[in-house]
Amino acid sequence: MSLPRPTPVSEPVAEGLTVFVRGLEVEAAIGVHDHELGRTQPLVLDVELQLAPRSVRRLEDTYNYEGVVEAARALLAEGHIGLVETFAERLAEALMADHRIRRCRVAVAKSEALKDARAAGCEVVLVR
């Protein structure tokens, strides 16, 4: 008597690779109102980077998420930025300079923007 043969199962196929940084807290000289000029205020960043599907065995096979931190801090070091939307767009553009990135989502929350809200901000998404 022979045992039933198992049904063949297809091999899994990678749909994509997402690298993320969530809850990155930075101090920023940002804002357009008089009380925002000449001081810094906290921002919280959430960034997602979608790369082409690939096997990752070494750091060189992926995007090092420390690059997100470095890019954000480099932009903020350039000086005062008027709008969180401008900062989010510039950060997304800087990250998209790496051609392995297919899609970039940058969310910026400004915790001191509204008295009665935990945070206000924006989200920018760039795709290739």
Protein backbone atom coordinates (compact mmCIF):
# COMPACT_ATOMS: atom_id res chain seq x y z
CA MET A 1 0.00 0.00 0.00
CA SER A 2 1.44 3.35 -0.99
CA LEU A 3 1.00 6.65 0.84
CA PRO A 4 -0.73 9.54 -0.92
CA ARG A 5 1.66 12.00 -2.51
CA PRO A 6 1.59 15.51 -1.08
CA THR A 7 0.18 18.22 -3.31
CA PRO A 8 3.03 20.25 -4.77
CA VAL A 9 3.33 23.68 -3.20
CA SER A 10 4.78 26.53 -5.16
CA GLU A 11 7.85 28.22 -3.80
CA PRO A 12 7.27 31.58 -2.08
CA VAL A 13 8.03 34.58 -4.23
CA ALA A 14 9.22 37.85 -2.72
CA GLU A 15 6.76 40.64 -3.35
CA GLY A 16 8.98 43.38 -2.04
CA LEU A 17 11.28 44.55 0.70
CA THR A 18 10.36 47.38 3.06
CA VAL A 19 12.89 49.09 5.30
CA PHE A 20 11.44 51.42 7.92
CA VAL A 21 12.31 53.81 10.71
CA ARG A 22 9.44 54.63 13.05
CA GLY A 23 9.26 57.22 15.78
CA LEU A 24 12.55 58.97 15.00
CA GLU A 25 12.67 62.02 17.27
CA VAL A 26 14.62 65.04 16.05
CA GLU A 27 14.88 68.69 17.05
CA ALA A 28 14.16 71.07 14.20
CA ALA A 29 14.31 74.78 13.54
CA ILE A 30 10.98 74.72 11.75
CA GLY A 31 7.86 76.82 11.45
CA VAL A 32 6.46 80.01 9.95
CA HIS A 33 4.97 81.69 13.01
CA ASP A 34 6.86 84.30 15.03
CA HIS A 35 6.90 82.11 18.16
CA GLU A 36 8.61 79.34 16.12
CA LEU A 37 11.51 81.43 14.88
CA GLY A 38 14.86 81.31 16.65
CA ARG A 39 14.18 78.05 18.47
CA THR A 40 13.88 74.36 17.81
CA GLN A 41 10.93 72.08 18.37
CA PRO A 42 10.46 68.32 18.34
CA LEU A 43 9.42 66.37 15.26
CA VAL A 44 8.65 62.67 15.06
CA LEU A 45 9.41 60.96 11.75
CA ASP A 46 8.11 57.71 10.28
CA VAL A 47 9.83 56.61 7.09
CA GLU A 48 9.18 53.58 4.88
CA LEU A 49 11.33 52.65 1.92
CA GLN A 50 10.22 50.00 -0.55
CA LEU A 51 12.95 48.25 -2.47
CA ALA A 52 12.81 45.69 -5.25
CA PRO A 53 12.34 42.15 -4.01
CA ARG A 54 15.66 40.53 -3.32
CA SER A 55 17.45 38.07 -1.15
CA VAL A 56 19.24 39.84 1.69
CA ARG A 57 22.32 38.20 3.13
CA ARG A 58 24.56 41.22 3.72
CA LEU A 59 24.05 44.87 4.62
CA GLU A 60 24.98 45.78 1.03
CA ASP A 61 21.92 43.84 -0.17
CA THR A 62 19.53 46.28 1.47
CA TYR A 63 19.21 49.94 2.47
CA ASN A 64 20.86 50.68 5.81
CA TYR A 65 18.18 52.41 7.87
CA GLU A 66 20.87 54.51 9.55
CA GLY A 67 20.89 56.40 6.25
CA VAL A 68 17.42 57.71 7.08
CA VAL A 69 18.71 59.22 10.33
CA GLU A 70 21.75 60.71 8.61
CA ALA A 71 19.68 62.25 5.81
CA ALA A 72 17.16 63.78 8.23
CA ARG A 73 19.86 65.27 10.46
CA ALA A 74 21.82 66.60 7.47
CA LEU A 75 18.74 68.44 6.16
CA LEU A 76 17.96 69.90 9.57
CA ALA A 77 21.58 71.05 9.95
CA GLU A 78 21.16 73.25 6.86
CA GLY A 79 19.07 75.72 8.87
CA HIS A 80 15.52 76.88 9.43
CA ILE A 81 12.76 75.30 7.34
CA GLY A 82 9.38 76.98 7.08
CA LEU A 83 7.01 74.06 6.63
CA VAL A 84 6.95 70.42 7.72
CA GLU A 85 5.70 69.66 4.21
CA THR A 86 8.90 71.14 2.77
CA PHE A 87 11.04 69.11 5.15
CA ALA A 88 9.13 65.88 4.38
CA GLU A 89 9.46 66.44 0.63
CA ARG A 90 13.19 67.22 0.84
CA LEU A 91 13.82 64.15 2.99
CA ALA A 92 11.89 61.92 0.59
CA GLU A 93 13.82 63.34 -2.38
CA ALA A 94 17.15 62.80 -0.61
CA LEU A 95 16.26 59.18 0.15
CA MET A 96 15.03 58.55 -3.41
CA ALA A 97 18.51 59.48 -4.65
CA ASP A 98 19.30 55.82 -3.93
CA HIS A 99 18.00 54.16 -7.09
CA ARG A 100 17.24 50.91 -5.27
CA ILE A 101 14.31 52.66 -3.58
CA ARG A 102 11.05 52.30 -5.53
CA ARG A 103 8.75 54.09 -3.11
CA CYS A 104 9.38 56.38 -0.17
CA ARG A 105 6.87 57.47 2.47
CA VAL A 106 7.84 60.17 4.95
CA ALA A 107 5.44 61.20 7.72
CA VAL A 108 6.33 64.16 9.92
CA ALA A 109 4.47 64.87 13.16
CA LYS A 110 4.90 68.19 14.91
CA SER A 111 3.86 67.59 18.52
CA GLU A 112 3.68 71.25 19.55
CA ALA A 113 1.65 72.48 16.56
CA LEU A 114 -1.83 72.35 18.11
CA LYS A 115 -2.68 72.78 21.77
CA ASP A 116 -5.55 70.28 21.76
CA ALA A 117 -3.98 67.61 19.57
CA ARG A 118 -1.19 65.14 20.22
CA ALA A 119 0.40 66.10 16.90
CA ALA A 120 -0.22 67.59 13.47
CA GLY A 121 1.83 67.06 10.38
CA CYS A 122 1.95 65.61 6.92
CA GLU A 123 2.88 62.61 4.85
CA VAL A 124 4.69 62.67 1.53
CA VAL A 125 4.93 59.67 -0.81
CA LEU A 126 7.27 59.54 -3.79
CA VAL A 127 7.37 56.65 -6.27
CA ARG A 128 9.44 55.76 -9.30
